[in-house]
N, C-alpha and C. Protein backbone atom coordinates (compact mmCIF):
# COMPACT_ATOMS: atom_id res chain seq x y z
N MET A 1 0.77 -1.20 -0.19
CA MET A 1 -0.18 -0.21 0.07
C MET A 1 0.78 1.49 -0.12
N ILE A 2 0.33 1.94 -0.87
CA ILE A 2 1.33 3.63 -0.90
C ILE A 2 0.31 4.50 -0.31
N LEU A 3 0.93 4.66 0.69
CA LEU A 3 0.06 5.76 1.67
C LEU A 3 -0.05 7.24 0.82
N ARG A 4 -1.18 8.23 1.05
CA ARG A 4 -0.92 8.83 0.13
C ARG A 4 -1.82 10.26 1.07
N VAL A 5 -1.07 11.22 1.06
CA VAL A 5 -1.35 12.49 2.07
C VAL A 5 -1.83 13.76 1.51
N TYR A 6 -2.99 14.21 1.79
CA TYR A 6 -3.36 15.75 1.48
C TYR A 6 -2.87 16.52 1.91
N LEU A 7 -2.27 17.55 1.13
CA LEU A 7 -1.42 18.45 1.99
C LEU A 7 -2.60 19.68 1.83
N ALA A 8 -2.61 20.01 2.70
CA ALA A 8 -3.61 21.62 3.18
C ALA A 8 -2.58 22.38 3.59
N GLN A 9 -2.80 23.70 2.71
CA GLN A 9 -2.19 24.95 3.33
C GLN A 9 -3.06 26.13 2.86
N ALA A 10 -2.91 27.21 3.75
CA ALA A 10 -3.52 28.33 3.59
C ALA A 10 -2.95 29.08 2.12
N MET A 11 -3.66 29.29 1.46
CA MET A 11 -3.10 29.77 0.03
C MET A 11 -3.49 31.39 -0.07
N THR A 12 -4.48 31.56 -0.05
CA THR A 12 -5.05 33.08 -0.32
C THR A 12 -4.48 34.19 0.34
N ASN A 13 -3.94 35.30 -0.41
CA ASN A 13 -3.25 36.10 0.04
C ASN A 13 -2.07 35.80 0.56
N LYS A 14 -1.47 34.91 -0.04
CA LYS A 14 -0.07 34.46 0.55
C LYS A 14 0.85 34.51 -0.88
N PHE A 15 2.42 34.48 -0.61
CA PHE A 15 3.18 34.47 -1.94
C PHE A 15 3.13 33.35 -2.72
N CYS A 16 2.77 33.41 -3.85
CA CYS A 16 2.74 31.97 -4.46
C CYS A 16 4.04 31.19 -4.58
N ASP A 17 5.41 32.00 -4.73
CA ASP A 17 6.51 31.25 -4.16
C ASP A 17 6.82 30.39 -3.31
N GLU A 18 6.07 30.99 -2.00
CA GLU A 18 6.17 30.75 -0.81
C GLU A 18 5.40 29.44 -0.40
N ILE A 19 4.22 29.31 -0.70
CA ILE A 19 3.20 28.33 -1.23
C ILE A 19 3.84 27.02 -1.90
N ILE A 20 4.70 27.34 -3.01
CA ILE A 20 5.23 26.60 -3.57
C ILE A 20 6.31 25.57 -3.00
N ALA A 21 7.04 26.62 -2.42
CA ALA A 21 8.06 26.07 -1.79
C ALA A 21 7.94 25.06 -0.34
N GLU A 22 6.86 25.81 0.34
CA GLU A 22 6.26 25.07 1.37
C GLU A 22 6.02 23.52 0.66
N ALA A 23 4.85 23.80 -0.54
CA ALA A 23 4.88 22.39 -0.47
C ALA A 23 5.68 21.44 -1.03
N LYS A 24 6.83 21.98 -1.92
CA LYS A 24 7.71 20.83 -2.32
C LYS A 24 8.67 20.39 -1.05
N ALA A 25 8.80 21.23 -0.37
CA ALA A 25 9.28 20.72 1.23
C ALA A 25 8.95 19.91 1.58
N ALA A 26 7.38 19.89 2.19
CA ALA A 26 6.49 18.85 2.65
C ALA A 26 6.91 17.50 2.10
N GLN A 27 6.70 17.77 0.43
CA GLN A 27 6.88 16.69 -0.42
C GLN A 27 8.13 16.07 -0.21
N ALA A 28 8.59 16.35 -0.14
CA ALA A 28 10.33 15.92 0.20
C ALA A 28 10.68 15.03 1.16
N GLU A 29 10.11 15.76 2.48
CA GLU A 29 10.00 14.79 3.38
C GLU A 29 9.31 13.55 3.54
N PHE A 30 7.96 13.49 3.12
CA PHE A 30 7.52 12.79 2.78
C PHE A 30 7.59 11.22 2.12
N ALA A 31 8.36 12.15 1.15
CA ALA A 31 9.12 11.28 -0.12
C ALA A 31 9.95 10.17 0.67
N LYS A 32 11.11 10.52 1.55
CA LYS A 32 11.75 10.01 2.30
C LYS A 32 11.15 9.01 3.08
N TYR A 33 9.77 8.57 2.97
CA TYR A 33 9.02 7.11 3.75
C TYR A 33 8.68 6.98 2.49
N GLY A 34 8.52 7.10 1.27
CA GLY A 34 7.54 6.60 0.51
C GLY A 34 6.38 6.90 0.27
N ILE A 35 6.03 8.17 1.02
CA ILE A 35 4.54 8.66 0.93
C ILE A 35 4.61 9.62 -0.07
N GLU A 36 3.46 9.37 -0.84
CA GLU A 36 2.93 10.07 -1.70
C GLU A 36 2.43 11.52 -1.48
N VAL A 37 2.49 12.76 -1.57
CA VAL A 37 1.34 13.73 -1.52
C VAL A 37 0.96 14.22 -2.55
N TRP A 38 -0.64 14.63 -2.24
CA TRP A 38 -1.35 15.33 -3.15
C TRP A 38 -1.54 16.79 -2.68
N SER A 39 -0.89 17.97 -3.62
CA SER A 39 -0.97 19.01 -2.97
C SER A 39 -1.50 20.18 -3.99
N PRO A 40 -2.61 20.79 -3.30
CA PRO A 40 -3.71 21.67 -4.66
C PRO A 40 -2.63 22.50 -4.93
N SER A 41 -1.48 22.94 -4.28
CA SER A 41 -1.00 24.36 -4.74
C SER A 41 0.10 23.92 -6.07
N LEU A 42 0.33 22.65 -5.89
CA LEU A 42 1.04 21.82 -7.04
C LEU A 42 0.18 21.44 -8.22
N VAL A 43 -0.78 20.98 -8.04
CA VAL A 43 -1.70 20.58 -8.83
C VAL A 43 -2.84 21.57 -9.62
N GLU A 44 -2.55 22.48 -9.17
CA GLU A 44 -3.67 23.27 -9.52
C GLU A 44 -3.01 24.56 -10.21
N GLY A 45 -1.63 24.47 -10.54
CA GLY A 45 -0.85 25.45 -11.08
C GLY A 45 -0.45 26.52 -10.91
N VAL A 46 -0.35 26.56 -9.35
CA VAL A 46 0.22 28.06 -8.55
C VAL A 46 1.24 28.60 -8.99
N PRO A 47 1.36 29.79 -9.94
CA PRO A 47 2.54 30.15 -9.93
C PRO A 47 4.02 30.30 -9.23
N ASP A 48 4.78 29.87 -9.82
CA ASP A 48 5.91 29.69 -9.00
C ASP A 48 6.84 31.40 -8.98
N LYS A 49 6.15 32.30 -8.27
CA LYS A 49 6.69 33.87 -8.79
C LYS A 49 6.16 34.66 -7.43
N HIS A 50 6.99 35.77 -7.28
CA HIS A 50 6.60 36.18 -5.71
C HIS A 50 5.83 37.22 -5.88
N VAL A 51 4.31 36.85 -6.01
CA VAL A 51 3.25 37.87 -6.04
C VAL A 51 2.18 36.93 -5.12
N LYS A 52 1.31 37.70 -4.77
CA LYS A 52 0.21 37.20 -3.71
C LYS A 52 -0.83 36.41 -4.30
N LEU A 53 -1.17 35.05 -3.74
CA LEU A 53 -2.41 34.50 -4.38
C LEU A 53 -3.48 35.45 -4.42
N THR A 54 -4.30 35.64 -5.51
CA THR A 54 -5.69 36.53 -4.99
C THR A 54 -6.57 35.54 -5.45
N SER A 55 -7.91 36.16 -5.02
CA SER A 55 -9.24 35.48 -5.29
C SER A 55 -9.20 35.21 -6.91
N ILE A 56 -10.10 34.04 -7.41
CA ILE A 56 -9.78 33.75 -8.47
C ILE A 56 -11.89 33.71 -8.57
N SER A 57 -11.91 33.65 -10.19
CA SER A 57 -13.67 33.92 -10.25
C SER A 57 -14.36 32.70 -9.37
N LYS A 58 -15.52 32.80 -9.22
CA LYS A 58 -16.34 31.75 -8.53
C LYS A 58 -16.22 30.48 -9.23
N ASP A 59 -16.43 30.12 -10.44
CA ASP A 59 -16.68 29.39 -11.57
C ASP A 59 -15.14 28.78 -11.52
N ASP A 60 -14.29 29.01 -11.36
CA ASP A 60 -12.70 28.78 -11.41
C ASP A 60 -12.51 28.09 -9.74
N LEU A 61 -12.91 28.76 -8.81
CA LEU A 61 -12.99 28.32 -7.27
C LEU A 61 -13.59 26.98 -7.23
N LEU A 62 -15.20 26.91 -7.78
CA LEU A 62 -15.68 25.64 -7.60
C LEU A 62 -15.37 24.39 -8.49
N ALA A 63 -14.80 24.70 -10.06
CA ALA A 63 -13.80 24.01 -10.56
C ALA A 63 -12.63 23.18 -9.67
N LYS A 64 -11.92 24.15 -9.10
CA LYS A 64 -10.98 23.58 -8.66
C LYS A 64 -11.03 22.84 -7.10
N TRP A 65 -12.37 23.31 -6.23
CA TRP A 65 -12.62 22.45 -5.11
C TRP A 65 -13.33 21.16 -5.47
N GLU A 66 -14.25 20.75 -6.54
CA GLU A 66 -14.41 19.61 -7.40
C GLU A 66 -13.17 18.58 -7.65
N ILE A 67 -12.06 19.21 -8.08
CA ILE A 67 -10.76 18.53 -8.05
C ILE A 67 -9.98 18.00 -6.98
N ASP A 68 -10.10 19.18 -6.06
CA ASP A 68 -9.73 18.67 -4.91
C ASP A 68 -10.20 17.84 -3.82
N LYS A 69 -11.54 17.72 -4.13
CA LYS A 69 -12.61 16.56 -3.22
C LYS A 69 -12.40 15.33 -3.98
N LYS A 70 -12.30 15.59 -5.55
CA LYS A 70 -12.57 13.88 -6.24
C LYS A 70 -11.07 13.49 -6.39
N GLU A 71 -10.00 14.20 -6.80
CA GLU A 71 -9.05 13.75 -6.83
C GLU A 71 -7.94 13.70 -5.54
N GLY A 72 -7.93 14.84 -4.55
CA GLY A 72 -7.24 14.89 -3.63
C GLY A 72 -8.30 14.12 -2.42
N LEU A 73 -8.80 15.03 -1.79
CA LEU A 73 -9.30 14.40 -0.34
C LEU A 73 -9.88 13.04 -0.46
N ARG A 74 -10.79 12.70 -1.38
CA ARG A 74 -11.06 11.44 -1.62
C ARG A 74 -10.30 10.48 -1.80
N THR A 75 -9.09 10.64 -2.48
CA THR A 75 -8.07 9.76 -3.02
C THR A 75 -7.25 9.15 -1.84
N CYS A 76 -6.75 10.16 -0.67
CA CYS A 76 -5.68 10.41 0.21
C CYS A 76 -6.22 9.86 1.51
N HIS A 77 -5.24 9.24 2.34
CA HIS A 77 -5.84 8.03 3.58
C HIS A 77 -5.64 9.10 4.40
N ILE A 78 -4.79 10.37 4.38
CA ILE A 78 -4.50 10.97 5.66
C ILE A 78 -4.30 12.49 5.24
N MET A 79 -4.88 13.60 5.63
CA MET A 79 -4.54 14.83 5.98
C MET A 79 -3.92 15.46 6.67
N TYR A 80 -2.48 16.18 5.86
CA TYR A 80 -1.63 17.44 6.77
C TYR A 80 -2.14 18.64 6.62
N ILE A 81 -2.34 18.85 7.74
CA ILE A 81 -2.41 20.71 7.73
C ILE A 81 -1.10 21.42 8.08
N ALA A 82 -0.53 21.83 6.77
CA ALA A 82 0.60 22.26 6.71
C ALA A 82 0.70 23.66 7.53
N SER A 83 -0.47 24.43 7.23
CA SER A 83 -0.22 25.89 7.45
C SER A 83 -0.27 25.83 9.05
N GLY A 84 -0.45 25.09 10.06
CA GLY A 84 -0.36 25.19 11.24
C GLY A 84 -1.76 26.07 11.77
N ASP A 85 -1.15 26.91 12.65
CA ASP A 85 -1.77 28.27 13.18
C ASP A 85 -2.19 29.09 12.33
N GLN A 86 -1.93 29.09 11.11
CA GLN A 86 -2.43 30.55 10.29
C GLN A 86 -3.71 29.96 9.90
N GLY A 87 -4.99 30.96 10.21
CA GLY A 87 -5.82 30.63 9.77
C GLY A 87 -6.20 30.65 8.46
N SER A 88 -7.11 29.68 7.88
CA SER A 88 -7.84 29.60 6.81
C SER A 88 -8.85 28.90 6.65
N ARG A 89 -9.88 29.66 5.90
CA ARG A 89 -11.31 29.06 5.69
C ARG A 89 -11.15 27.99 4.87
N GLY A 90 -10.30 27.98 3.86
CA GLY A 90 -10.54 26.92 2.43
C GLY A 90 -9.59 25.48 3.41
N VAL A 91 -8.84 25.31 4.31
CA VAL A 91 -8.17 24.62 5.02
C VAL A 91 -9.66 23.75 6.19
N GLY A 92 -9.98 24.92 6.60
CA GLY A 92 -10.89 24.21 7.64
C GLY A 92 -12.39 23.74 6.72
N GLN A 93 -12.49 24.35 5.70
CA GLN A 93 -13.52 23.23 5.03
C GLN A 93 -12.78 21.94 4.56
N GLU A 94 -11.87 21.88 4.22
CA GLU A 94 -11.11 20.81 3.95
C GLU A 94 -10.94 19.57 4.80
N ARG A 95 -10.69 20.29 6.41
CA ARG A 95 -10.54 19.70 7.16
C ARG A 95 -11.63 18.88 7.63
N GLY A 96 -12.96 19.62 7.56
CA GLY A 96 -13.92 18.95 7.69
C GLY A 96 -14.62 17.73 7.20
N HIS A 97 -14.77 18.28 5.69
CA HIS A 97 -14.66 17.10 4.84
C HIS A 97 -14.06 16.04 5.06
N VAL A 98 -12.78 16.25 5.52
CA VAL A 98 -11.94 14.67 5.50
C VAL A 98 -12.29 13.90 6.96
N ARG A 99 -12.32 14.87 8.07
CA ARG A 99 -12.46 14.22 9.26
C ARG A 99 -13.88 13.77 9.63
N TRP A 100 -14.73 14.71 9.17
CA TRP A 100 -16.38 14.49 9.63
C TRP A 100 -17.24 13.53 8.74
N TYR A 101 -16.46 13.43 7.23
CA TYR A 101 -17.38 13.11 5.96
C TYR A 101 -16.62 11.98 5.65
N LEU A 102 -15.52 11.92 5.71
CA LEU A 102 -14.56 10.66 4.96
C LEU A 102 -14.12 9.93 6.13
N TRP A 103 -14.01 10.59 7.37
CA TRP A 103 -13.57 9.60 8.57
C TRP A 103 -11.96 9.29 8.03
N ARG A 104 -11.34 10.51 7.75
CA ARG A 104 -9.43 9.81 7.92
C ARG A 104 -8.84 10.46 8.59
N PRO A 105 -7.89 10.26 9.39
CA PRO A 105 -6.78 11.12 9.96
C PRO A 105 -6.52 12.25 9.40
N VAL A 106 -6.22 13.17 10.39
CA VAL A 106 -5.45 14.41 10.33
C VAL A 106 -4.63 15.14 11.08
N VAL A 107 -3.54 15.15 10.75
CA VAL A 107 -2.07 15.49 11.21
C VAL A 107 -1.98 17.00 10.88
N ARG A 108 -1.55 18.02 12.14
CA ARG A 108 -1.53 19.22 11.94
C ARG A 108 -0.32 19.83 12.62
N LEU A 109 0.30 20.66 11.90
CA LEU A 109 1.39 21.20 12.12
C LEU A 109 1.35 22.41 13.27
N HIS A 110 1.94 22.15 14.50
CA HIS A 110 1.92 22.82 15.39
C HIS A 110 3.06 23.88 15.06
N GLU A 111 3.03 25.00 15.51
CA GLU A 111 4.56 25.86 15.04
C GLU A 111 5.06 25.96 16.36
N GLY A 112 5.06 25.51 17.78
CA GLY A 112 6.02 25.67 18.63
C GLY A 112 5.48 26.76 19.71
N LYS A 113 4.21 27.16 19.64
CA LYS A 113 3.94 28.33 20.19
C LYS A 113 3.65 27.93 21.90
N VAL A 114 4.03 28.44 23.03
CA VAL A 114 3.74 27.72 24.41
C VAL A 114 2.31 27.27 24.59
N TYR A 115 1.04 27.88 23.96
CA TYR A 115 -0.02 27.55 23.94
C TYR A 115 -0.64 26.14 23.48
N PHE A 116 -1.85 25.65 23.73
CA PHE A 116 -2.18 24.41 23.08
C PHE A 116 -3.36 25.05 22.68
N SER A 117 -3.61 24.32 21.68
CA SER A 117 -5.36 24.63 21.52
C SER A 117 -6.10 23.26 21.32
N ILE A 118 -7.41 23.39 21.22
CA ILE A 118 -8.22 21.98 20.95
C ILE A 118 -7.51 21.47 19.87
N THR A 119 -7.24 21.70 18.74
CA THR A 119 -6.82 21.25 17.48
C THR A 119 -5.76 20.12 18.41
N ASP A 120 -4.44 20.49 18.91
CA ASP A 120 -3.45 19.82 19.47
C ASP A 120 -4.28 18.40 20.18
N ILE A 121 -5.27 18.79 20.97
CA ILE A 121 -5.64 17.55 21.47
C ILE A 121 -6.40 16.86 20.64
N GLU A 122 -7.45 17.14 19.70
CA GLU A 122 -8.19 16.62 18.88
C GLU A 122 -7.75 15.85 17.72
N GLU A 123 -6.75 16.55 16.87
CA GLU A 123 -6.41 16.04 15.95
C GLU A 123 -5.46 14.94 16.25
N ASP A 124 -5.61 13.47 15.05
CA ASP A 124 -4.43 12.38 15.41
C ASP A 124 -3.41 12.63 15.66
N GLY A 125 -2.65 13.84 14.97
CA GLY A 125 -1.37 14.20 15.61
C GLY A 125 -1.38 15.59 15.18
N ALA A 126 -0.14 15.82 16.11
CA ALA A 126 0.14 17.68 16.40
C ALA A 126 1.54 17.56 16.34
N VAL A 127 2.41 17.71 15.36
CA VAL A 127 3.67 17.83 15.17
C VAL A 127 4.15 19.37 14.71
N HIS A 128 5.69 19.22 14.98
CA HIS A 128 6.32 20.82 14.93
C HIS A 128 7.14 20.93 13.64
N SER A 129 7.05 19.95 12.61
CA SER A 129 7.95 20.26 11.50
C SER A 129 7.09 19.04 10.43
N HIS A 130 7.79 19.66 9.04
CA HIS A 130 7.08 18.34 7.74
C HIS A 130 7.64 17.08 8.04
N ARG A 131 9.32 17.26 8.59
CA ARG A 131 9.85 15.97 9.20
C ARG A 131 9.08 15.28 9.88
N ALA A 132 8.65 15.73 11.07
CA ALA A 132 8.10 15.04 12.11
C ALA A 132 6.61 14.49 11.53
N ALA A 133 5.98 15.20 11.00
CA ALA A 133 4.62 14.80 10.25
C ALA A 133 4.92 13.52 9.41
N ALA A 134 5.47 13.35 8.62
CA ALA A 134 6.16 12.19 7.70
C ALA A 134 6.50 11.09 8.36
N ALA A 135 7.47 11.28 9.37
CA ALA A 135 7.35 10.17 10.41
C ALA A 135 6.16 9.96 11.16
N TYR A 136 5.74 10.68 11.39
CA TYR A 136 4.70 9.93 12.51
C TYR A 136 3.31 9.29 11.55
N CYS A 137 2.84 10.03 10.26
CA CYS A 137 2.04 9.17 9.57
C CYS A 137 2.82 7.74 9.26
N ASN A 138 4.13 7.82 8.71
CA ASN A 138 4.42 6.52 8.73
C ASN A 138 4.60 5.32 9.66
N LYS A 139 5.12 5.52 10.59
CA LYS A 139 4.68 5.04 12.05
C LYS A 139 3.25 4.52 12.41
N HIS A 140 2.25 5.50 12.28
CA HIS A 140 0.78 4.89 12.25
C HIS A 140 -0.07 4.49 11.61
N TRP A 141 0.52 4.87 10.08
CA TRP A 141 -0.64 3.86 9.27
C TRP A 141 0.25 3.86 7.73
N ASN A 142 1.45 3.48 8.01
CA ASN A 142 2.65 2.72 7.06
C ASN A 142 2.03 1.63 6.57
N SER A 143 0.70 0.54 6.86
CA SER A 143 1.05 -0.42 6.43
C SER A 143 -0.87 -0.74 6.07
N ARG A 144 -1.50 -1.57 5.09
CA ARG A 144 -2.56 -1.67 4.89
C ARG A 144 -3.40 -1.90 6.32
N SER A 145 -2.74 -2.92 7.10
CA SER A 145 -3.49 -3.69 8.26
C SER A 145 -3.65 -2.33 9.17
N LYS A 146 -2.68 -1.43 9.76
CA LYS A 146 -2.63 -0.32 10.45
C LYS A 146 -3.62 0.78 9.94
N TRP A 147 -3.71 0.83 8.62
CA TRP A 147 -4.95 1.77 8.13
C TRP A 147 -6.38 1.20 8.52
N VAL A 148 -6.14 -0.03 8.07
CA VAL A 148 -7.72 -0.62 8.22
C VAL A 148 -7.82 -0.76 9.78
N MET A 149 -6.99 -1.12 11.03
CA MET A 149 -7.47 -1.03 12.18
C MET A 149 -7.76 0.33 12.52
N TRP A 150 -7.51 1.42 11.96
CA TRP A 150 -7.47 2.67 12.60
C TRP A 150 -9.07 2.85 11.95
N LYS A 151 -9.16 2.76 10.81
CA LYS A 151 -10.29 3.05 10.26
C LYS A 151 -11.57 1.88 10.53
N LEU A 152 -11.52 0.75 11.17
CA LEU A 152 -12.27 0.28 11.69
C LEU A 152 -12.68 0.42 13.14
N GLN A 153 -11.85 1.20 13.73
CA GLN A 153 -11.98 1.54 14.98
C GLN A 153 -12.62 2.59 15.27
N HIS A 154 -12.67 3.76 14.36
CA HIS A 154 -13.47 4.66 14.12
C HIS A 154 -14.74 4.13 13.57
N ILE A 155 -14.92 3.70 12.77
CA ILE A 155 -16.41 2.75 12.56
C ILE A 155 -17.02 2.56 13.61
N ILE A 156 -16.66 1.54 14.31
CA ILE A 156 -17.14 0.64 15.20
C ILE A 156 -17.53 1.85 16.54
N PHE A 157 -16.58 2.46 16.83
CA PHE A 157 -16.96 3.51 18.02
C PHE A 157 -17.76 4.76 17.68
N GLY A 158 -17.59 4.62 16.21
CA GLY A 158 -18.07 5.95 15.65
C GLY A 158 -19.63 6.00 15.34
N ILE A 159 -20.09 5.20 14.55
CA ILE A 159 -21.26 4.96 13.84
C ILE A 159 -22.29 4.99 15.30
N PRO A 160 -22.32 3.85 16.46
CA PRO A 160 -23.50 4.14 17.39
C PRO A 160 -23.27 5.29 18.11
N LYS A 161 -22.22 5.92 18.07
CA LYS A 161 -22.53 7.25 18.90
C LYS A 161 -23.07 8.57 18.08
N PHE A 162 -22.75 8.32 16.97
CA PHE A 162 -23.08 9.20 15.72
C PHE A 162 -24.81 9.05 15.56
N VAL A 163 -25.38 7.93 15.36
CA VAL A 163 -26.88 7.52 15.75
C VAL A 163 -27.32 8.04 17.02
N TRP A 164 -26.72 7.79 18.08
CA TRP A 164 -27.15 7.90 19.68
C TRP A 164 -27.47 9.52 19.60
N ILE A 165 -26.40 10.30 19.35
CA ILE A 165 -26.71 11.59 19.12
C ILE A 165 -27.62 11.93 18.23
N GLN A 166 -27.81 11.82 17.32
CA GLN A 166 -28.96 12.03 16.07
C GLN A 166 -29.97 12.05 16.79
N ILE A 167 -30.15 10.90 17.14
CA ILE A 167 -31.55 10.56 18.12
C ILE A 167 -31.94 11.44 19.09
N SER A 168 -31.32 11.50 20.10
CA SER A 168 -31.08 11.86 20.80
C SER A 168 -31.68 13.86 20.83
N SER A 169 -31.05 13.98 19.50
CA SER A 169 -31.23 15.53 19.13
C SER A 169 -32.54 16.10 18.95
N LEU A 170 -33.13 14.84 18.40
CA LEU A 170 -34.94 15.22 18.09
C LEU A 170 -35.30 15.89 19.43
N TRP A 171 -34.90 15.36 20.38
CA TRP A 171 -35.54 15.89 21.59
C TRP A 171 -35.18 17.54 22.26
N LEU A 172 -34.04 17.88 21.52
CA LEU A 172 -33.61 19.29 21.81
C LEU A 172 -35.09 20.35 21.82
């Protein structure tokens, strides 16, 4: 099994060359473990220029979101949030899709601040570098059996809880 990671990055109003450099750096670290990286910034043709990535048309954005969901999110085993503490609405949408719709693990870059946030507790992994993220993913999901066990654990414990919460909410 070749492990595949979806690389989530804050992109809007960031410098394109910095987005590309971060994606390539993460990709290189994951490649050391034989892990494939699917990165919207590399797939969608973000120019390798020192200009800010600005908003695009609604139609173009919707087309890219469909590609991200079909070719990226749905085909990857894990999501790695490389933008860490940098807020991003797009990354938030991707994370929700991966964690709560696809039920897949999420690993997040924690930028070494002294505080912790709920995501440090709730994510499947919080790491301090791309290298640590690659090692963490390799350790926890590097085989079909580890991946299947993680998935089954979440299905077995998650579905009954989900059903109970949905039924009990009818009386709110």
